[in-house]
N, C-alpha and C. Protein backbone atom coordinates (compact mmCIF):
# COMPACT_ATOMS: atom_id res chain seq x y z
N MET A 1 0.69 -1.18 0.07
CA MET A 1 0.05 -0.06 -0.05
C MET A 1 0.70 1.23 0.03
N ASN A 2 0.71 2.05 -0.88
CA ASN A 2 0.85 3.61 -1.12
C ASN A 2 0.90 4.22 0.33
N ASN A 3 2.19 4.69 0.69
CA ASN A 3 2.04 6.16 1.57
C ASN A 3 1.49 7.48 1.03
N ILE A 4 0.29 7.91 1.52
CA ILE A 4 -0.26 9.33 0.86
C ILE A 4 0.58 10.40 0.80
N LEU A 5 1.63 9.97 2.16
CA LEU A 5 2.50 11.50 2.54
C LEU A 5 3.66 11.61 1.49
N GLU A 6 3.89 10.67 0.84
CA GLU A 6 5.11 10.51 -0.12
C GLU A 6 4.66 10.45 -1.60
N LYS A 7 3.19 10.52 -1.62
CA LYS A 7 2.95 10.65 -2.95
C LYS A 7 3.10 11.89 -3.78
N GLU A 8 3.25 11.70 -4.93
CA GLU A 8 3.69 13.24 -5.86
C GLU A 8 2.27 13.93 -6.19
N TYR A 9 2.09 14.83 -6.09
CA TYR A 9 0.76 15.39 -6.36
C TYR A 9 1.29 16.51 -7.50
N PRO A 10 0.18 16.92 -8.07
CA PRO A 10 0.64 18.13 -9.28
C PRO A 10 0.56 19.08 -8.77
N GLU A 11 1.28 20.39 -8.97
CA GLU A 11 1.38 21.58 -8.36
C GLU A 11 -0.03 22.44 -8.70
N LEU A 12 -0.60 22.75 -7.85
CA LEU A 12 -1.88 23.64 -7.77
C LEU A 12 -1.85 24.53 -8.57
N ASN A 13 -2.63 25.23 -9.27
CA ASN A 13 -2.10 26.40 -10.38
C ASN A 13 -3.52 27.15 -10.28
N ILE A 14 -3.62 28.33 -9.76
CA ILE A 14 -4.90 29.01 -9.50
C ILE A 14 -5.04 30.22 -10.16
N THR A 15 -5.93 30.27 -11.12
CA THR A 15 -5.85 31.40 -12.05
C THR A 15 -7.46 32.10 -12.04
N GLU A 16 -7.44 33.31 -12.57
CA GLU A 16 -8.31 34.07 -12.30
C GLU A 16 -9.86 33.43 -13.26
N GLU A 17 -9.82 32.55 -13.69
CA GLU A 17 -10.84 31.64 -14.19
C GLU A 17 -11.25 30.78 -12.93
N ILE A 18 -10.54 30.24 -12.26
CA ILE A 18 -10.92 29.78 -11.32
C ILE A 18 -11.38 30.63 -9.98
N LEU A 19 -10.90 31.74 -9.82
CA LEU A 19 -11.39 32.71 -8.91
C LEU A 19 -12.94 33.22 -9.28
N LYS A 20 -13.31 33.37 -10.39
CA LYS A 20 -14.25 33.56 -11.05
C LYS A 20 -15.62 32.58 -10.92
N ASN A 21 -14.81 31.35 -11.01
CA ASN A 21 -15.95 29.89 -10.73
C ASN A 21 -16.06 29.99 -9.45
N ILE A 22 -15.15 30.41 -8.30
CA ILE A 22 -15.53 30.31 -7.04
C ILE A 22 -16.35 31.46 -6.38
N LYS A 23 -16.31 32.60 -7.21
CA LYS A 23 -17.22 33.45 -7.03
C LYS A 23 -18.79 33.11 -7.36
N ASN A 24 -18.68 32.77 -8.20
CA ASN A 24 -19.65 32.45 -9.11
C ASN A 24 -21.04 31.24 -8.41
N HIS A 25 -20.19 30.50 -8.04
CA HIS A 25 -20.80 29.18 -7.24
C HIS A 25 -20.30 28.89 -6.38
N PRO A 26 -20.46 29.95 -5.31
CA PRO A 26 -20.18 29.83 -3.89
C PRO A 26 -20.57 28.24 -3.21
N SER A 27 -21.71 27.94 -3.27
CA SER A 27 -22.16 26.67 -2.89
C SER A 27 -21.28 25.33 -2.90
N LEU A 28 -20.67 25.24 -4.00
CA LEU A 28 -19.79 24.28 -4.39
C LEU A 28 -18.16 24.26 -3.41
N TYR A 29 -18.21 25.21 -2.95
CA TYR A 29 -16.97 25.44 -2.01
C TYR A 29 -17.56 25.56 -0.41
N SER A 30 -18.64 25.39 -0.25
CA SER A 30 -19.20 25.92 1.13
C SER A 30 -18.39 24.80 2.20
N SER A 31 -17.79 23.95 1.79
CA SER A 31 -16.90 23.19 2.98
C SER A 31 -15.77 23.52 2.87
N ALA A 32 -15.27 24.48 2.25
CA ALA A 32 -13.80 25.08 1.93
C ALA A 32 -13.44 26.04 3.10
N PRO A 33 -12.15 26.04 3.53
CA PRO A 33 -12.04 27.48 4.40
C PRO A 33 -12.89 28.75 4.06
N VAL A 34 -13.37 29.72 4.65
CA VAL A 34 -13.90 30.62 4.67
C VAL A 34 -13.27 31.56 3.58
N LYS A 35 -12.06 31.83 3.54
CA LYS A 35 -11.46 32.56 2.51
C LYS A 35 -11.62 32.13 1.06
N THR A 36 -11.56 30.93 1.16
CA THR A 36 -11.88 30.21 -0.47
C THR A 36 -13.07 30.30 -0.51
N PHE A 37 -13.83 30.19 0.47
CA PHE A 37 -15.41 30.32 -0.05
C PHE A 37 -15.83 31.60 -0.55
N MET A 38 -15.13 32.89 0.20
CA MET A 38 -15.56 34.00 -0.29
C MET A 38 -14.86 34.45 -1.86
N GLY A 39 -13.85 33.78 -2.00
CA GLY A 39 -12.95 34.07 -3.19
C GLY A 39 -11.90 35.00 -2.77
N LYS A 40 -11.51 34.90 -1.57
CA LYS A 40 -10.32 35.92 -1.50
C LYS A 40 -9.09 35.38 -1.42
N ILE A 41 -8.62 34.78 -2.08
CA ILE A 41 -7.58 33.69 -2.16
C ILE A 41 -6.60 34.62 -3.24
N TYR A 42 -5.13 34.28 -3.27
CA TYR A 42 -4.14 34.85 -4.56
C TYR A 42 -4.55 33.94 -5.31
N THR A 43 -4.08 34.24 -6.85
CA THR A 43 -3.75 33.53 -8.03
C THR A 43 -2.45 33.00 -7.51
N THR A 44 -1.89 32.28 -8.37
CA THR A 44 -0.53 31.48 -8.28
C THR A 44 0.51 32.61 -8.46
N GLU A 45 0.63 33.55 -9.49
CA GLU A 45 1.16 34.78 -9.92
C GLU A 45 1.13 35.36 -8.84
N GLU A 46 0.07 36.04 -8.19
CA GLU A 46 0.02 36.77 -7.05
C GLU A 46 0.62 36.12 -6.04
N PHE A 47 0.56 35.20 -5.41
CA PHE A 47 1.06 34.46 -4.60
C PHE A 47 2.87 34.25 -4.64
N GLN A 48 3.24 33.79 -5.83
CA GLN A 48 4.62 33.98 -5.88
C GLN A 48 5.21 35.64 -5.93
N LYS A 49 4.70 36.71 -6.38
CA LYS A 49 5.15 37.97 -6.33
C LYS A 49 4.93 38.19 -4.76
N ARG A 50 4.10 37.71 -4.29
CA ARG A 50 3.92 38.29 -2.58
C ARG A 50 4.99 37.41 -1.90
N SER A 51 5.29 36.62 -2.18
CA SER A 51 6.03 35.61 -1.56
C SER A 51 7.78 35.98 -1.59
N ASP A 52 8.02 36.38 -2.95
CA ASP A 52 9.32 36.69 -3.44
C ASP A 52 9.37 38.07 -2.54
N GLU A 53 8.63 39.04 -2.20
CA GLU A 53 8.94 40.34 -1.79
C GLU A 53 8.95 40.19 -0.50
N VAL A 54 8.43 39.28 0.47
CA VAL A 54 8.51 38.95 1.77
C VAL A 54 9.76 38.11 1.65
N LEU A 55 10.36 37.15 1.08
CA LEU A 55 11.33 36.62 1.01
C LEU A 55 12.73 37.53 1.01
N ALA A 56 12.36 38.54 0.11
CA ALA A 56 13.55 39.66 -0.08
C ALA A 56 13.75 40.68 1.32
N MET A 57 12.87 40.65 2.03
CA MET A 57 12.94 41.34 3.26
C MET A 57 13.93 40.99 4.18
N SER A 58 14.32 41.59 4.83
CA SER A 58 15.70 41.60 5.41
C SER A 58 15.29 41.77 7.07
N LEU A 59 15.29 40.51 7.88
CA LEU A 59 14.86 40.26 9.16
C LEU A 59 15.52 41.30 9.97
N PRO A 60 15.02 42.18 11.26
CA PRO A 60 15.63 42.68 12.32
C PRO A 60 16.97 41.82 12.91
N GLY A 61 17.93 42.34 13.06
CA GLY A 61 19.05 41.74 13.68
C GLY A 61 19.67 40.67 12.74
N SER A 62 19.53 40.71 11.40
CA SER A 62 20.26 39.54 10.53
C SER A 62 20.37 40.48 8.99
N GLU A 63 20.92 41.47 9.32
CA GLU A 63 20.81 42.05 8.05
C GLU A 63 21.88 41.27 6.71
N ASN A 64 22.81 41.06 7.29
CA ASN A 64 23.79 40.07 6.54
C ASN A 64 23.15 38.77 5.92
N ARG A 65 21.90 38.63 6.50
CA ARG A 65 21.37 36.88 5.87
C ARG A 65 20.40 37.39 4.80
N VAL A 66 20.17 36.41 3.82
CA VAL A 66 19.08 36.70 3.07
C VAL A 66 18.81 35.48 2.80
N LEU A 67 17.13 35.44 2.65
CA LEU A 67 16.43 34.31 2.56
C LEU A 67 16.04 33.64 1.05
N LYS A 68 16.29 32.61 1.04
CA LYS A 68 16.12 31.84 -0.31
C LYS A 68 15.00 31.25 -0.20
N ARG A 69 14.14 31.17 -1.49
CA ARG A 69 13.52 30.03 -1.73
C ARG A 69 13.45 28.56 -2.01
N SER A 70 13.23 28.03 -1.05
CA SER A 70 13.09 26.45 -1.16
C SER A 70 12.81 25.76 -1.95
N LYS A 71 12.71 24.91 -2.41
CA LYS A 71 11.76 24.09 -3.50
C LYS A 71 10.88 23.46 -2.53
N TRP A 72 9.56 24.32 -2.66
CA TRP A 72 8.21 23.82 -1.68
C TRP A 72 7.13 24.30 -2.42
N ARG A 73 6.09 23.49 -2.06
CA ARG A 73 4.52 23.97 -2.73
C ARG A 73 3.94 24.60 -1.53
N ARG A 74 2.96 25.15 -2.38
CA ARG A 74 1.88 26.04 -1.77
C ARG A 74 1.26 25.19 -0.57
């Protein structure tokens, strides 16, 4: 039996079309988290842009350190 934690899943790509679908048919997402149900989620591009900005910020007391994006999924 395969371990579900070790299974490879495709990367989730949230587009404007998906956001429109969520907003037009909220009853389909009623069991989803509130932000998803209301359509208040980032598209993949917005999420990547925001995470790059946050990772580029320097932390207090660690001016010499720079955070780099590791290979992680949303």
